Amino acid sequence: MVRSTKTFKSEAEAKLFALEIMDKGWSANAGTLNPYQPKQMIGSSQIGKWASTKPALHRTSH
């Protein structure tokens, strides 16, 4: 088992990458990093649904 973490400039890029990983038959999880609010954690069973939605507008915390 190999685990990797990758950071993206946009949610759209992250969604595309997650779908590519899932298409290979691998497992993917996604989530937001600080300082974005509200925090999100997307499990592998939710990647397809998450990737089909428009990217969210995140607010940074102060």
Protein backbone atom coordinates (compact mmCIF):
# COMPACT_ATOMS: atom_id res chain seq x y z
CA MET A 1 0.00 0.00 0.00
CA VAL A 2 1.33 3.42 -0.98
CA ARG A 3 0.00 6.68 0.37
CA SER A 4 0.57 10.09 -1.16
CA THR A 5 -0.54 13.65 -0.44
CA LYS A 6 -0.88 16.35 -3.08
CA THR A 7 -1.90 20.01 -2.80
CA PHE A 8 -3.74 21.86 -5.58
CA LYS A 9 -4.19 25.53 -6.43
CA SER A 10 -7.90 25.04 -7.07
CA GLU A 11 -10.71 22.73 -6.06
CA ALA A 12 -11.37 22.03 -9.75
CA GLU A 13 -7.81 20.66 -10.16
CA ALA A 14 -8.26 18.50 -7.05
CA LYS A 15 -11.54 17.09 -8.36
CA LEU A 16 -10.01 16.19 -11.72
CA PHE A 17 -7.05 14.48 -10.05
CA ALA A 18 -9.31 12.53 -7.66
CA LEU A 19 -11.41 11.26 -10.58
CA GLU A 20 -8.26 10.17 -12.43
CA ILE A 21 -7.13 8.22 -9.35
CA MET A 22 -10.55 6.58 -8.98
CA ASP A 23 -10.58 5.68 -12.71
CA LYS A 24 -7.37 3.69 -12.08
CA GLY A 25 -9.23 1.68 -9.45
CA TRP A 26 -7.34 3.28 -6.58
CA SER A 27 -8.80 4.84 -3.45
CA ALA A 28 -8.83 8.62 -2.99
CA ASN A 29 -9.77 10.97 -0.16
CA ALA A 30 -9.91 14.76 -0.28
CA GLY A 31 -10.17 17.63 2.14
CA THR A 32 -9.47 21.29 2.74
CA LEU A 33 -6.35 22.70 4.36
CA ASN A 34 -6.14 25.56 6.83
CA PRO A 35 -7.16 28.39 6.72
CA TYR A 36 -10.22 27.43 4.61
CA GLN A 37 -13.60 27.35 6.34
CA PRO A 38 -15.73 25.36 6.59
CA LYS A 39 -13.36 22.40 6.66
CA GLN A 40 -14.29 19.49 4.41
CA MET A 41 -13.27 15.84 4.44
CA ILE A 42 -14.39 13.74 1.48
CA GLY A 43 -14.03 9.98 1.77
CA SER A 44 -13.47 7.67 -1.18
CA SER A 45 -17.15 6.67 -1.24
CA GLN A 46 -18.11 10.35 -1.74
CA ILE A 47 -15.47 11.38 -4.34
CA GLY A 48 -17.78 10.87 -7.35
CA LYS A 49 -20.55 12.99 -5.87
CA TRP A 50 -18.11 15.70 -4.70
CA ALA A 51 -16.31 15.83 -8.05
CA SER A 52 -19.58 16.34 -9.94
CA THR A 53 -20.48 19.51 -8.00
CA LYS A 54 -19.33 23.05 -8.71
CA PRO A 55 -16.25 24.10 -6.70
CA ALA A 56 -17.18 25.79 -3.43
CA LEU A 57 -16.26 29.34 -2.58
CA HIS A 58 -14.13 29.14 0.56
CA ARG A 59 -13.55 31.86 3.08
CA THR A 60 -10.24 32.13 4.87
CA SER A 61 -10.35 32.50 8.63
CA HIS A 62 -8.72 35.54 10.19
